[in-house]
Amino acid sequence: MFRAGTPKMLFDKPGFYDVAPDGKRFLLLKPVAAPDQQTEVHVVLNWVEEVRRRVPAIQ
């Protein structure tokens, strides 16, 4: 039987989080650069094909 306990703070820093559908894990995103610094995001399309090209033994 489930019994709720006393709530506890998990994070004291600002950030965004989401809970996995199974409720067992969560993802926390927090800023690592100052807001005035430029950041980069790399998007890799067709990454499975890139892996196959670099590692031919994986089919």
PDB file of N, CA and C in Angstrom:
ATOM      1  N   MET A   1       0.842  -1.169   0.000  1.00  0.00           N
ATOM      2  CA  MET A   1       0.000   0.000   0.000  1.00  0.00           C
ATOM      3  C   MET A   1       0.897   1.246   0.000  1.00  0.00           C
ATOM      4  N   PHE A   2       0.550   2.192  -0.836  1.00  0.00           N
ATOM      5  CA  PHE A   2       1.300   3.441  -0.920  1.00  0.00           C
ATOM      6  C   PHE A   2       0.889   4.374   0.205  1.00  0.00           C
ATOM      7  N   ARG A   3       1.887   4.959   0.854  1.00  0.00           N
ATOM      8  CA  ARG A   3       1.626   5.978   1.870  1.00  0.00           C
ATOM      9  C   ARG A   3       2.544   7.160   1.600  1.00  0.00           C
ATOM     10  N   ALA A   4       1.961   8.315   1.458  1.00  0.00           N
ATOM     11  CA  ALA A   4       2.740   9.522   1.201  1.00  0.00           C
ATOM     12  C   ALA A   4       3.455   9.944   2.468  1.00  0.00           C
ATOM     13  N   GLY A   5       4.703  10.337   2.325  1.00  0.00           N
ATOM     14  CA  GLY A   5       5.484  10.809   3.456  1.00  0.00           C
ATOM     15  C   GLY A   5       5.599  12.317   3.438  1.00  0.00           C
ATOM     16  N   THR A   6       6.491  12.822   4.231  1.00  0.00           N
ATOM     17  CA  THR A   6       6.746  14.251   4.280  1.00  0.00           C
ATOM     18  C   THR A   6       7.516  14.661   3.027  1.00  0.00           C
ATOM     19  N   PRO A   7       7.042  15.678   2.310  1.00  0.00           N
ATOM     20  CA  PRO A   7       7.743  16.121   1.095  1.00  0.00           C
ATOM     21  C   PRO A   7       9.163  16.590   1.414  1.00  0.00           C
ATOM     22  N   LYS A   8      10.102  16.327   0.493  1.00  0.00           N
ATOM     23  CA  LYS A   8      11.493  16.749   0.645  1.00  0.00           C
ATOM     24  C   LYS A   8      11.930  17.451  -0.632  1.00  0.00           C
ATOM     25  N   MET A   9      12.682  18.532  -0.483  1.00  0.00           N
ATOM     26  CA  MET A   9      13.190  19.254  -1.644  1.00  0.00           C
ATOM     27  C   MET A   9      14.313  18.434  -2.276  1.00  0.00           C
ATOM     28  N   LEU A  10      14.221  18.195  -3.586  1.00  0.00           N
ATOM     29  CA  LEU A  10      15.252  17.439  -4.288  1.00  0.00           C
ATOM     30  C   LEU A  10      16.352  18.339  -4.834  1.00  0.00           C
ATOM     31  N   PHE A  11      15.981  19.536  -5.297  1.00  0.00           N
ATOM     32  CA  PHE A  11      16.941  20.427  -5.935  1.00  0.00           C
ATOM     33  C   PHE A  11      16.791  21.819  -5.357  1.00  0.00           C
ATOM     34  N   ASP A  12      17.922  22.455  -5.048  1.00  0.00           N
ATOM     35  CA  ASP A  12      17.858  23.823  -4.563  1.00  0.00           C
ATOM     36  C   ASP A  12      18.403  24.812  -5.587  1.00  0.00           C
ATOM     37  N   LYS A  13      18.715  24.339  -6.763  1.00  0.00           N
ATOM     38  CA  LYS A  13      19.225  25.183  -7.845  1.00  0.00           C
ATOM     39  C   LYS A  13      18.150  25.326  -8.927  1.00  0.00           C
ATOM     40  N   PRO A  14      18.157  26.452  -9.656  1.00  0.00           N
ATOM     41  CA  PRO A  14      17.170  26.583 -10.750  1.00  0.00           C
ATOM     42  C   PRO A  14      17.480  25.619 -11.885  1.00  0.00           C
ATOM     43  N   GLY A  15      16.459  25.182 -12.557  1.00  0.00           N
ATOM     44  CA  GLY A  15      16.615  24.272 -13.682  1.00  0.00           C
ATOM     45  C   GLY A  15      15.268  23.737 -14.100  1.00  0.00           C
ATOM     46  N   PHE A  16      15.267  22.968 -15.141  1.00  0.00           N
ATOM     47  CA  PHE A  16      14.050  22.354 -15.639  1.00  0.00           C
ATOM     48  C   PHE A  16      14.176  20.853 -15.489  1.00  0.00           C
ATOM     49  N   TYR A  17      13.085  20.179 -15.183  1.00  0.00           N
ATOM     50  CA  TYR A  17      13.150  18.739 -15.016  1.00  0.00           C
ATOM     51  C   TYR A  17      11.903  18.080 -15.594  1.00  0.00           C
ATOM     52  N   ASP A  18      12.007  16.802 -15.855  1.00  0.00           N
ATOM     53  CA  ASP A  18      10.880  16.000 -16.316  1.00  0.00           C
ATOM     54  C   ASP A  18      11.065  14.600 -15.751  1.00  0.00           C
ATOM     55  N   VAL A  19       9.952  13.954 -15.451  1.00  0.00           N
ATOM     56  CA  VAL A  19       9.972  12.617 -14.881  1.00  0.00           C
ATOM     57  C   VAL A  19       9.726  11.602 -15.991  1.00  0.00           C
ATOM     58  N   ALA A  20      10.479  10.484 -15.988  1.00  0.00           N
ATOM     59  CA  ALA A  20      10.296   9.418 -16.967  1.00  0.00           C
ATOM     60  C   ALA A  20       8.904   8.813 -16.809  1.00  0.00           C
ATOM     61  N   PRO A  21       8.337   8.277 -17.889  1.00  0.00           N
ATOM     62  CA  PRO A  21       6.998   7.690 -17.814  1.00  0.00           C
ATOM     63  C   PRO A  21       6.858   6.596 -16.750  1.00  0.00           C
ATOM     64  N   ASP A  22       7.945   5.864 -16.473  1.00  0.00           N
ATOM     65  CA  ASP A  22       7.856   4.803 -15.460  1.00  0.00           C
ATOM     66  C   ASP A  22       7.982   5.344 -14.035  1.00  0.00           C
ATOM     67  N   GLY A  23       8.277   6.641 -13.893  1.00  0.00           N
ATOM     68  CA  GLY A  23       8.368   7.264 -12.580  1.00  0.00           C
ATOM     69  C   GLY A  23       9.626   6.919 -11.808  1.00  0.00           C
ATOM     70  N   LYS A  24      10.569   6.211 -12.417  1.00  0.00           N
ATOM     71  CA  LYS A  24      11.770   5.772 -11.712  1.00  0.00           C
ATOM     72  C   LYS A  24      12.976   6.690 -11.931  1.00  0.00           C
ATOM     73  N   ARG A  25      12.925   7.515 -12.959  1.00  0.00           N
ATOM     74  CA  ARG A  25      14.053   8.383 -13.273  1.00  0.00           C
ATOM     75  C   ARG A  25      13.541   9.768 -13.628  1.00  0.00           C
ATOM     76  N   PHE A  26      14.449  10.733 -13.630  1.00  0.00           N
ATOM     77  CA  PHE A  26      14.109  12.060 -14.073  1.00  0.00           C
ATOM     78  C   PHE A  26      15.314  12.682 -14.761  1.00  0.00           C
ATOM     79  N   LEU A  27      15.042  13.684 -15.567  1.00  0.00           N
ATOM     80  CA  LEU A  27      16.071  14.415 -16.291  1.00  0.00           C
ATOM     81  C   LEU A  27      16.061  15.840 -15.776  1.00  0.00           C
ATOM     82  N   LEU A  28      17.215  16.343 -15.425  1.00  0.00           N
ATOM     83  CA  LEU A  28      17.342  17.699 -14.923  1.00  0.00           C
ATOM     84  C   LEU A  28      18.244  18.473 -15.863  1.00  0.00           C
ATOM     85  N   LEU A  29      17.749  19.571 -16.370  1.00  0.00           N
ATOM     86  CA  LEU A  29      18.539  20.450 -17.227  1.00  0.00           C
ATOM     87  C   LEU A  29      18.841  21.704 -16.439  1.00  0.00           C
ATOM     88  N   LYS A  30      20.097  22.068 -16.405  1.00  0.00           N
ATOM     89  CA  LYS A  30      20.461  23.286 -15.712  1.00  0.00           C
ATOM     90  C   LYS A  30      21.446  24.066 -16.566  1.00  0.00           C
ATOM     91  N   PRO A  31      21.416  25.365 -16.482  1.00  0.00           N
ATOM     92  CA  PRO A  31      22.334  26.173 -17.290  1.00  0.00           C
ATOM     93  C   PRO A  31      23.776  25.986 -16.815  1.00  0.00           C
ATOM     94  N   VAL A  32      24.703  25.912 -17.766  1.00  0.00           N
ATOM     95  CA  VAL A  32      26.116  25.775 -17.425  1.00  0.00           C
ATOM     96  C   VAL A  32      26.912  26.999 -17.843  1.00  0.00           C
ATOM     97  N   ALA A  33      26.349  27.842 -18.675  1.00  0.00           N
ATOM     98  CA  ALA A  33      27.036  29.045 -19.130  1.00  0.00           C
ATOM     99  C   ALA A  33      26.270  30.273 -18.629  1.00  0.00           C
ATOM    100  N   ALA A  34      26.994  31.345 -18.458  1.00  0.00           N
ATOM    101  CA  ALA A  34      26.352  32.596 -18.080  1.00  0.00           C
ATOM    102  C   ALA A  34      25.407  33.027 -19.200  1.00  0.00           C
ATOM    103  N   PRO A  35      24.310  33.675 -18.868  1.00  0.00           N
ATOM    104  CA  PRO A  35      23.333  34.065 -19.889  1.00  0.00           C
ATOM    105  C   PRO A  35      23.895  34.924 -21.018  1.00  0.00           C
ATOM    106  N   ASP A  36      24.965  35.662 -20.753  1.00  0.00           N
ATOM    107  CA  ASP A  36      25.531  36.522 -21.797  1.00  0.00           C
ATOM    108  C   ASP A  36      26.562  35.812 -22.669  1.00  0.00           C
ATOM    109  N   GLN A  37      26.862  34.534 -22.395  1.00  0.00           N
ATOM    110  CA  GLN A  37      27.820  33.786 -23.204  1.00  0.00           C
ATOM    111  C   GLN A  37      27.108  33.055 -24.332  1.00  0.00           C
ATOM    112  N   GLN A  38      27.781  32.936 -25.462  1.00  0.00           N
ATOM    113  CA  GLN A  38      27.235  32.217 -26.606  1.00  0.00           C
ATOM    114  C   GLN A  38      27.365  30.718 -26.366  1.00  0.00           C
ATOM    115  N   THR A  39      26.325  29.975 -26.713  1.00  0.00           N
ATOM    116  CA  THR A  39      26.370  28.524 -26.594  1.00  0.00           C
ATOM    117  C   THR A  39      26.137  27.898 -27.962  1.00  0.00           C
ATOM    118  N   GLU A  40      26.543  26.645 -28.108  1.00  0.00           N
ATOM    119  CA  GLU A  40      26.368  25.933 -29.365  1.00  0.00           C
ATOM    120  C   GLU A  40      25.523  24.691 -29.140  1.00  0.00           C
ATOM    121  N   VAL A  41      24.745  24.362 -30.153  1.00  0.00           N
ATOM    122  CA  VAL A  41      23.976  23.124 -30.150  1.00  0.00           C
ATOM    123  C   VAL A  41      24.311  22.399 -31.441  1.00  0.00           C
ATOM    124  N   HIS A  42      24.699  21.132 -31.338  1.00  0.00           N
ATOM    125  CA  HIS A  42      25.022  20.330 -32.515  1.00  0.00           C
ATOM    126  C   HIS A  42      23.912  19.309 -32.715  1.00  0.00           C
ATOM    127  N   VAL A  43      23.322  19.321 -33.896  1.00  0.00           N
ATOM    128  CA  VAL A  43      22.267  18.369 -34.240  1.00  0.00           C
ATOM    129  C   VAL A  43      22.835  17.414 -35.273  1.00  0.00           C
ATOM    130  N   VAL A  44      22.740  16.114 -35.001  1.00  0.00           N
ATOM    131  CA  VAL A  44      23.258  15.111 -35.919  1.00  0.00           C
ATOM    132  C   VAL A  44      22.077  14.379 -36.536  1.00  0.00           C
ATOM    133  N   LEU A  45      21.912  14.523 -37.826  1.00  0.00           N
ATOM    134  CA  LEU A  45      20.864  13.835 -38.558  1.00  0.00           C
ATOM    135  C   LEU A  45      21.419  12.534 -39.122  1.00  0.00           C
ATOM    136  N   ASN A  46      20.600  11.521 -39.202  1.00  0.00           N
ATOM    137  CA  ASN A  46      21.005  10.216 -39.734  1.00  0.00           C
ATOM    138  C   ASN A  46      22.214   9.655 -38.987  1.00  0.00           C
ATOM    139  N   TRP A  47      22.210   9.756 -37.657  1.00  0.00           N
ATOM    140  CA  TRP A  47      23.368   9.340 -36.885  1.00  0.00           C
ATOM    141  C   TRP A  47      23.620   7.847 -36.959  1.00  0.00           C
ATOM    142  N   VAL A  48      22.584   7.046 -37.197  1.00  0.00           N
ATOM    143  CA  VAL A  48      22.792   5.598 -37.314  1.00  0.00           C
ATOM    144  C   VAL A  48      23.636   5.309 -38.555  1.00  0.00           C
ATOM    145  N   GLU A  49      23.358   5.980 -39.630  1.00  0.00           N
ATOM    146  CA  GLU A  49      24.155   5.804 -40.854  1.00  0.00           C
ATOM    147  C   GLU A  49      25.592   6.254 -40.631  1.00  0.00           C
ATOM    148  N   GLU A  50      25.777   7.311 -39.867  1.00  0.00           N
ATOM    149  CA  GLU A  50      27.136   7.779 -39.562  1.00  0.00           C
ATOM    150  C   GLU A  50      27.893   6.720 -38.773  1.00  0.00           C
ATOM    151  N   VAL A  51      27.245   6.085 -37.815  1.00  0.00           N
ATOM    152  CA  VAL A  51      27.890   5.023 -37.035  1.00  0.00           C
ATOM    153  C   VAL A  51      28.228   3.850 -37.943  1.00  0.00           C
ATOM    154  N   ARG A  52      27.305   3.463 -38.801  1.00  0.00           N
ATOM    155  CA  ARG A  52      27.575   2.345 -39.728  1.00  0.00           C
ATOM    156  C   ARG A  52      28.741   2.654 -40.657  1.00  0.00           C
ATOM    157  N   ARG A  53      28.846   3.895 -41.086  1.00  0.00           N
ATOM    158  CA  ARG A  53      29.944   4.284 -41.972  1.00  0.00           C
ATOM    159  C   ARG A  53      31.281   4.212 -41.234  1.00  0.00           C
ATOM    160  N   ARG A  54      31.295   4.632 -39.985  1.00  0.00           N
ATOM    161  CA  ARG A  54      32.544   4.659 -39.217  1.00  0.00           C
ATOM    162  C   ARG A  54      32.901   3.296 -38.632  1.00  0.00           C
ATOM    163  N   VAL A  55      31.897   2.461 -38.373  1.00  0.00           N
ATOM    164  CA  VAL A  55      32.125   1.134 -37.781  1.00  0.00           C
ATOM    165  C   VAL A  55      31.426   0.117 -38.656  1.00  0.00           C
ATOM    166  N   PRO A  56      32.047  -0.329 -39.741  1.00  0.00           N
ATOM    167  CA  PRO A  56      31.388  -1.190 -40.709  1.00  0.00           C
ATOM    168  C   PRO A  56      30.896  -2.528 -40.121  1.00  0.00           C
ATOM    169  N   ALA A  57      31.436  -2.981 -38.993  1.00  0.00           N
ATOM    170  CA  ALA A  57      31.007  -4.271 -38.436  1.00  0.00           C
ATOM    171  C   ALA A  57      29.595  -4.216 -37.874  1.00  0.00           C
ATOM    172  N   ILE A  58      29.064  -3.020 -37.617  1.00  0.00           N
ATOM    173  CA  ILE A  58      27.702  -2.890 -37.078  1.00  0.00           C
ATOM    174  C   ILE A  58      26.736  -2.804 -38.240  1.00  0.00           C
ATOM    175  N   GLN A  59      25.869  -3.774 -38.367  1.00  0.00           N
ATOM    176  CA  GLN A  59      24.873  -3.790 -39.447  1.00  0.00           C
ATOM    177  C   GLN A  59      23.541  -3.975 -38.863  1.00  0.00           C
TER     178      GLN A  59
END
